[in-house]
N, C-alpha and C. Protein backbone atom coordinates (compact mmCIF):
# COMPACT_ATOMS: atom_id res chain seq x y z
N MET A 1 -5.85 4.58 -38.07
CA MET A 1 -5.78 5.12 -36.75
C MET A 1 -5.22 4.02 -35.87
N ALA A 2 -4.12 4.47 -34.81
CA ALA A 2 -3.49 3.48 -33.75
C ALA A 2 -4.11 3.59 -32.66
N SER A 3 -4.57 2.56 -32.21
CA SER A 3 -5.43 2.57 -30.58
C SER A 3 -4.14 2.53 -29.75
N SER A 4 -4.27 3.12 -28.59
CA SER A 4 -3.42 3.24 -27.89
C SER A 4 -3.96 2.45 -26.44
N LYS A 5 -3.53 1.84 -25.16
CA LYS A 5 -4.21 1.19 -24.27
C LYS A 5 -3.58 2.30 -22.95
N PRO A 6 -4.52 2.91 -22.18
CA PRO A 6 -3.82 3.73 -21.73
C PRO A 6 -2.91 2.71 -20.39
N ALA A 7 -1.87 3.38 -20.22
CA ALA A 7 -1.03 2.44 -18.92
C ALA A 7 -1.83 1.84 -17.90
N ASP A 8 -1.64 2.51 -16.86
CA ASP A 8 -2.55 2.05 -15.78
C ASP A 8 -3.60 3.13 -15.28
N ALA A 9 -5.28 2.84 -15.56
CA ALA A 9 -5.76 3.71 -15.44
C ALA A 9 -6.76 4.23 -13.80
N ASN A 10 -5.85 3.44 -13.17
CA ASN A 10 -6.18 3.76 -11.44
C ASN A 10 -4.70 3.46 -10.32
N LEU A 11 -5.09 3.73 -9.37
CA LEU A 11 -4.10 3.47 -8.50
C LEU A 11 -3.91 2.09 -8.13
N ALA A 12 -5.11 1.29 -8.27
CA ALA A 12 -5.06 0.02 -7.59
C ALA A 12 -3.78 -0.58 -8.17
N PRO A 13 -3.78 -0.97 -9.01
CA PRO A 13 -2.22 -1.78 -9.69
C PRO A 13 -0.72 -1.30 -9.84
N LEU A 14 -1.07 -0.10 -9.72
CA LEU A 14 0.25 0.72 -9.24
C LEU A 14 1.15 0.59 -7.55
N LEU A 15 -0.38 0.27 -7.00
CA LEU A 15 0.16 0.17 -5.10
C LEU A 15 1.10 -0.67 -5.18
N ARG A 16 1.25 -1.89 -5.65
CA ARG A 16 1.95 -3.20 -5.09
C ARG A 16 3.58 -2.42 -5.70
N TYR A 17 4.00 -1.41 -6.27
CA TYR A 17 5.05 -0.96 -6.62
C TYR A 17 5.85 0.05 -5.40
N PHE A 18 4.74 0.13 -4.49
CA PHE A 18 5.30 1.12 -2.96
C PHE A 18 5.35 0.34 -2.06
N VAL A 19 5.58 -0.87 -1.78
CA VAL A 19 5.85 -1.96 -1.03
C VAL A 19 7.40 -1.28 0.06
N GLY A 20 6.74 -1.12 1.16
CA GLY A 20 7.56 -0.44 1.97
C GLY A 20 7.95 0.90 2.34
N ILE A 21 7.04 1.30 1.69
CA ILE A 21 6.98 3.09 1.54
C ILE A 21 5.83 3.44 2.71
N ASP A 22 6.10 4.10 3.35
CA ASP A 22 5.56 4.81 4.35
C ASP A 22 4.37 5.74 3.50
N LEU A 23 2.93 5.67 4.64
CA LEU A 23 1.84 6.45 3.75
C LEU A 23 0.83 6.80 4.79
N ILE A 24 0.02 7.72 4.82
CA ILE A 24 -1.46 7.70 4.98
C ILE A 24 -2.08 7.36 4.55
N VAL A 25 -3.73 6.88 5.48
CA VAL A 25 -4.67 6.46 4.58
C VAL A 25 -5.80 6.65 5.81
N GLU A 26 -6.69 7.70 5.05
CA GLU A 26 -7.85 7.73 5.78
C GLU A 26 -9.00 7.67 5.28
N THR A 27 -9.65 6.58 6.00
CA THR A 27 -10.89 5.84 5.11
C THR A 27 -12.00 6.78 5.33
N LYS A 28 -13.21 6.53 4.54
CA LYS A 28 -14.59 7.22 4.31
C LYS A 28 -14.91 7.39 6.21
N HIS A 29 -14.71 6.17 7.06
CA HIS A 29 -15.03 6.87 8.30
C HIS A 29 -14.33 7.80 8.98
N GLY A 30 -13.42 8.23 8.72
CA GLY A 30 -12.86 9.51 9.53
C GLY A 30 -11.57 8.82 10.22
N ARG A 31 -11.28 7.58 10.08
CA ARG A 31 -9.71 7.24 10.73
C ARG A 31 -8.70 7.62 9.89
N SER A 32 -7.61 7.39 10.56
CA SER A 32 -6.23 7.98 10.13
C SER A 32 -5.13 7.09 10.39
N PHE A 33 -4.89 6.23 9.51
CA PHE A 33 -3.73 5.18 8.92
C PHE A 33 -2.55 5.20 8.76
N LYS A 34 -1.38 5.30 9.73
CA LYS A 34 0.02 5.74 9.31
C LYS A 34 0.83 4.97 9.26
N GLY A 35 1.18 4.58 8.16
CA GLY A 35 2.37 2.92 8.74
C GLY A 35 2.88 2.72 7.09
N ALA A 36 3.79 1.76 6.82
CA ALA A 36 4.65 1.41 5.81
C ALA A 36 3.63 0.17 4.88
N LEU A 37 3.57 0.35 4.02
CA LEU A 37 2.86 -0.64 3.08
C LEU A 37 3.47 -1.62 2.54
N ILE A 38 2.44 -3.04 3.46
CA ILE A 38 3.19 -4.62 3.16
C ILE A 38 2.64 -4.86 1.53
N SER A 39 0.88 -4.59 1.79
CA SER A 39 0.81 -5.38 0.31
C SER A 39 -0.49 -5.00 -0.26
N ALA A 40 -0.83 -5.00 -1.30
CA ALA A 40 -2.07 -4.22 -1.85
C ALA A 40 -2.11 -4.95 -3.20
N ASP A 41 -3.49 -5.28 -3.07
CA ASP A 41 -4.04 -5.81 -4.25
C ASP A 41 -4.93 -5.21 -4.96
N GLN A 42 -5.69 -5.92 -6.23
CA GLN A 42 -6.32 -5.20 -7.05
C GLN A 42 -7.33 -4.69 -6.43
N TYR A 43 -7.81 -4.63 -5.56
CA TYR A 43 -9.04 -4.28 -5.08
C TYR A 43 -8.83 -2.92 -4.56
N MET A 44 -7.60 -2.71 -3.99
CA MET A 44 -6.90 -1.40 -3.38
C MET A 44 -7.06 -2.12 -2.01
N ASN A 45 -6.98 -3.61 -1.09
CA ASN A 45 -7.11 -3.63 0.05
C ASN A 45 -5.26 -3.40 0.37
N LEU A 46 -5.49 -2.62 1.42
CA LEU A 46 -3.68 -2.68 2.04
C LEU A 46 -3.79 -3.60 3.14
N VAL A 47 -2.14 -3.60 3.57
CA VAL A 47 -2.18 -3.89 4.82
C VAL A 47 -0.73 -3.20 5.31
N LEU A 48 -1.31 -2.51 6.31
CA LEU A 48 0.66 -1.51 6.68
C LEU A 48 0.74 -2.53 8.10
N LYS A 49 2.14 -2.01 7.95
CA LYS A 49 2.92 -2.53 9.39
C LYS A 49 3.44 -1.11 10.12
N ARG A 50 3.82 -1.30 11.20
CA ARG A 50 4.38 -0.23 12.23
C ARG A 50 2.82 1.10 12.03
N VAL A 51 1.90 0.68 12.51
CA VAL A 51 0.73 1.85 12.34
C VAL A 51 0.28 2.36 13.20
N ASP A 52 0.18 3.94 13.30
CA ASP A 52 -0.39 4.58 14.31
C ASP A 52 -1.35 5.20 13.68
N LYS A 53 -3.01 5.42 14.51
CA LYS A 53 -3.84 5.87 14.18
C LYS A 53 -4.57 6.55 15.47
N LYS A 54 -5.18 7.67 14.93
CA LYS A 54 -5.48 8.98 15.60
C LYS A 54 -6.80 7.77 16.28
N LYS A 55 -6.78 8.48 18.19
CA LYS A 55 -7.71 7.41 18.71
C LYS A 55 -8.91 8.21 18.13
N GLN A 56 -9.95 7.55 18.71
CA GLN A 56 -10.87 7.68 19.04
C GLN A 56 -12.01 8.70 19.76
N GLN A 57 -12.48 9.19 19.53
CA GLN A 57 -13.29 10.16 20.55
C GLN A 57 -14.13 9.11 21.96
N GLU A 58 -14.90 8.34 21.16
CA GLU A 58 -15.78 7.21 21.89
C GLU A 58 -14.79 6.33 22.52
N ALA A 59 -15.02 5.57 23.52
CA ALA A 59 -14.53 4.63 24.56
C ALA A 59 -14.85 2.89 23.80
N THR A 60 -13.60 2.58 22.76
CA THR A 60 -13.72 1.93 21.95
C THR A 60 -13.09 0.45 22.87
N THR A 61 -13.47 -0.69 22.76
CA THR A 61 -12.17 -1.63 22.92
C THR A 61 -11.29 -1.43 22.09
N THR A 62 -10.10 -1.98 22.42
CA THR A 62 -9.23 -1.70 21.21
C THR A 62 -7.94 -2.91 21.09
N THR A 63 -7.34 -3.33 20.34
CA THR A 63 -6.71 -4.69 20.36
C THR A 63 -5.13 -3.88 20.24
N ALA A 64 -4.49 -2.52 20.44
CA ALA A 64 -3.65 -1.63 20.20
C ALA A 64 -2.66 -2.65 20.98
N THR A 65 -1.34 -2.38 20.20
CA THR A 65 0.07 -3.03 21.59
C THR A 65 0.16 -1.94 22.17
N ALA A 66 0.00 -0.48 21.91
CA ALA A 66 -0.08 0.51 22.93
C ALA A 66 -0.40 2.02 22.39
N ILE A 67 -0.65 2.46 23.65
CA ILE A 67 -0.85 3.84 23.02
C ILE A 67 -0.02 4.70 23.59
N ILE A 68 0.56 6.04 22.91
CA ILE A 68 1.30 6.56 22.91
C ILE A 68 0.96 7.50 22.57
N ASP A 69 1.39 8.88 22.92
CA ASP A 69 0.57 10.60 22.88
C ASP A 69 -0.65 10.16 22.03
N GLY A 70 -1.63 9.80 22.92
CA GLY A 70 -2.93 9.59 22.07
C GLY A 70 -3.24 9.14 21.34
N GLN A 71 -1.82 7.87 20.21
CA GLN A 71 -2.36 7.38 18.99
C GLN A 71 -2.32 6.16 19.79
N GLU A 72 -3.01 4.97 18.84
CA GLU A 72 -2.92 3.84 19.05
C GLU A 72 -2.46 3.27 18.31
N VAL A 73 -1.27 2.44 18.38
CA VAL A 73 -0.16 1.90 17.82
C VAL A 73 -0.38 0.42 17.32
N PHE A 74 -0.51 -0.15 16.28
CA PHE A 74 -0.46 -1.59 16.14
C PHE A 74 0.57 -2.00 15.23
N ASP A 75 1.05 -3.21 15.23
CA ASP A 75 1.47 -3.97 14.88
C ASP A 75 1.48 -4.00 13.04
N TRP A 76 0.24 -4.66 12.59
CA TRP A 76 -0.25 -3.85 11.02
C TRP A 76 -2.04 -4.24 10.94
N VAL A 77 -1.95 -3.50 10.39
CA VAL A 77 -3.66 -3.41 9.92
C VAL A 77 -3.82 -3.24 8.58
N HIS A 78 -5.14 -4.35 7.89
CA HIS A 78 -5.49 -4.23 7.05
C HIS A 78 -7.31 -3.70 6.73
N ILE A 79 -7.00 -2.53 5.70
CA ILE A 79 -7.72 -1.52 5.00
C ILE A 79 -8.89 -2.09 4.13
N ARG A 80 -9.84 -2.19 4.22
CA ARG A 80 -10.19 -2.85 3.04
C ARG A 80 -10.55 -1.36 2.46
N GLY A 81 -10.01 -2.27 0.70
CA GLY A 81 -10.18 -1.08 -0.30
C GLY A 81 -11.64 -0.06 -0.40
N PRO A 82 -12.48 -0.46 -0.42
CA PRO A 82 -13.88 0.30 -0.45
C PRO A 82 -13.91 0.95 0.89
N THR A 83 -13.46 1.50 2.01
CA THR A 83 -13.22 2.00 2.52
C THR A 83 -12.31 3.33 2.35
N ILE A 84 -11.30 3.29 1.33
CA ILE A 84 -10.34 4.11 1.83
C ILE A 84 -11.28 5.48 0.64
N ARG A 85 -10.79 6.78 1.27
CA ARG A 85 -11.18 8.10 1.39
C ARG A 85 -9.96 8.76 0.20
N TYR A 86 -9.02 8.87 0.98
CA TYR A 86 -7.59 8.95 0.42
C TYR A 86 -6.67 8.65 0.62
N ILE A 87 -5.88 8.52 -0.45
CA ILE A 87 -4.31 7.71 0.45
C ILE A 87 -2.87 9.07 -0.14
N VAL A 88 -1.59 9.17 1.23
CA VAL A 88 -1.20 10.53 1.08
C VAL A 88 0.37 9.60 1.22
N PHE A 89 1.02 10.29 0.11
CA PHE A 89 2.43 9.52 -0.08
C PHE A 89 3.21 10.53 0.68
N GLY A 90 4.77 10.84 0.94
CA GLY A 90 5.29 11.54 1.36
C GLY A 90 6.00 12.84 0.46
N ALA A 91 6.34 13.26 0.57
CA ALA A 91 6.57 15.04 -0.52
C ALA A 91 7.83 14.49 -0.71
N ASN A 92 8.60 13.61 -0.32
CA ASN A 92 10.14 13.34 -1.37
C ASN A 92 9.81 12.14 -1.59
N ILE A 93 9.30 11.57 -2.36
CA ILE A 93 8.88 10.10 -2.69
C ILE A 93 8.34 10.39 -4.28
N ASP A 94 9.79 9.78 -4.90
CA ASP A 94 9.72 10.01 -6.39
C ASP A 94 8.73 9.13 -6.90
N LEU A 95 7.50 9.50 -7.19
CA LEU A 95 6.48 8.47 -7.35
C LEU A 95 6.71 7.90 -9.18
N ALA A 96 7.58 8.43 -9.91
CA ALA A 96 7.47 8.17 -11.29
C ALA A 96 8.80 7.05 -11.60
N GLY A 97 9.86 7.48 -10.15
CA GLY A 97 10.94 6.71 -10.24
C GLY A 97 10.49 5.44 -9.40
N VAL A 98 9.96 5.16 -8.85
CA VAL A 98 9.57 4.51 -7.53
C VAL A 98 8.08 3.06 -8.61
N ILE A 99 7.64 3.53 -9.29
CA ILE A 99 6.86 3.36 -10.62
C ILE A 99 8.06 2.23 -11.54
N LYS A 100 8.74 3.35 -12.17
CA LYS A 100 9.57 3.09 -12.82
C LYS A 100 10.54 1.77 -12.20
N ALA A 101 10.87 1.50 -11.11
CA ALA A 101 11.66 0.74 -10.57
C ALA A 101 11.19 -0.35 -10.31
N GLY A 102 9.83 -0.80 -9.86
CA GLY A 102 9.02 -1.80 -10.08
C GLY A 102 8.59 -2.53 -11.25
N LYS A 103 8.38 -1.80 -11.91
CA LYS A 103 7.82 -2.32 -13.63
C LYS A 103 9.60 -3.04 -13.61
N ASP A 104 10.63 -2.19 -13.51
CA ASP A 104 11.39 -3.12 -14.12
C ASP A 104 11.78 -4.39 -13.49
N ARG A 105 11.50 -4.67 -11.82
CA ARG A 105 12.13 -5.49 -11.07
C ARG A 105 11.49 -6.63 -11.73
N GLU A 106 9.50 -6.51 -11.59
CA GLU A 106 8.77 -7.33 -12.48
C GLU A 106 9.36 -8.38 -14.01
N ARG A 107 10.09 -7.23 -14.82
CA ARG A 107 10.40 -7.23 -16.09
C ARG A 107 11.45 -8.38 -15.66
N ALA A 108 12.36 -8.34 -14.37
CA ALA A 108 13.70 -8.87 -14.96
C ALA A 108 13.18 -10.04 -13.96
N ALA A 109 12.27 -10.35 -12.80
CA ALA A 109 11.77 -11.35 -12.74
C ALA A 109 10.91 -12.30 -13.67
N SER A 110 10.03 -12.14 -14.39
CA SER A 110 9.82 -12.85 -15.73
C SER A 110 10.78 -13.02 -16.65
N ASP A 111 11.74 -11.86 -16.77
CA ASP A 111 13.02 -12.90 -17.70
C ASP A 111 13.56 -13.99 -16.95
N LYS A 112 13.59 -13.78 -15.91
CA LYS A 112 14.52 -15.37 -14.69
C LYS A 112 13.42 -16.41 -15.42
N TYR A 113 12.54 -16.09 -15.26
CA TYR A 113 11.10 -17.24 -15.23
C TYR A 113 11.40 -18.00 -16.37
N ARG A 114 11.24 -16.98 -17.48
CA ARG A 114 11.73 -17.12 -19.62
C ARG A 114 12.89 -18.36 -19.40
N ARG A 115 13.82 -17.63 -18.99
CA ARG A 115 15.61 -18.17 -19.04
C ARG A 115 15.69 -19.47 -18.36
N GLY A 116 14.97 -20.07 -17.40
CA GLY A 116 14.75 -21.30 -16.48
C GLY A 116 15.80 -20.92 -15.81
N ILE A 117 16.10 -19.91 -14.93
CA ILE A 117 16.95 -19.18 -13.67
C ILE A 117 16.14 -19.85 -12.59
N ARG A 118 15.14 -19.37 -12.69
CA ARG A 118 14.05 -19.58 -11.72
C ARG A 118 13.12 -20.47 -11.60
N LYS A 119 12.69 -21.43 -10.99
CA LYS A 119 11.37 -22.73 -11.32
C LYS A 119 9.74 -21.68 -10.67
N ALA A 120 8.88 -22.12 -11.50
CA ALA A 120 7.94 -21.28 -11.36
C ALA A 120 7.11 -22.41 -10.03
N PRO A 121 6.88 -21.71 -8.98
CA PRO A 121 6.08 -22.95 -7.90
C PRO A 121 4.71 -23.84 -8.67
N LYS A 122 4.75 -24.82 -8.28
CA LYS A 122 3.76 -26.05 -8.99
C LYS A 122 2.73 -25.52 -7.77
């Protein structure tokens, strides 16, 4: 009986392939953030840039760069993985294609290191 390892069992390791793609993140606190993904780690911590956040009903101190049409606009936002309720990708995103392209980029980069074209950082 051949054992097979599941490809990627959850979303966290796959998020690194979606860098640069616009997405919407809703947290467990009811806040929604819309922006382009800058980075993601294995704990699903996200960094978004050009972020719009729905304005809270209560008065709070904010570090927003601007408030446009009732939404706060930030240059970038860090969202902790455990606070994420869900992530919405755009309807026109080819998820399988983006993941395949990301894996191909990683494979090509590791091949360059193996051949000695690129030197590993010390």
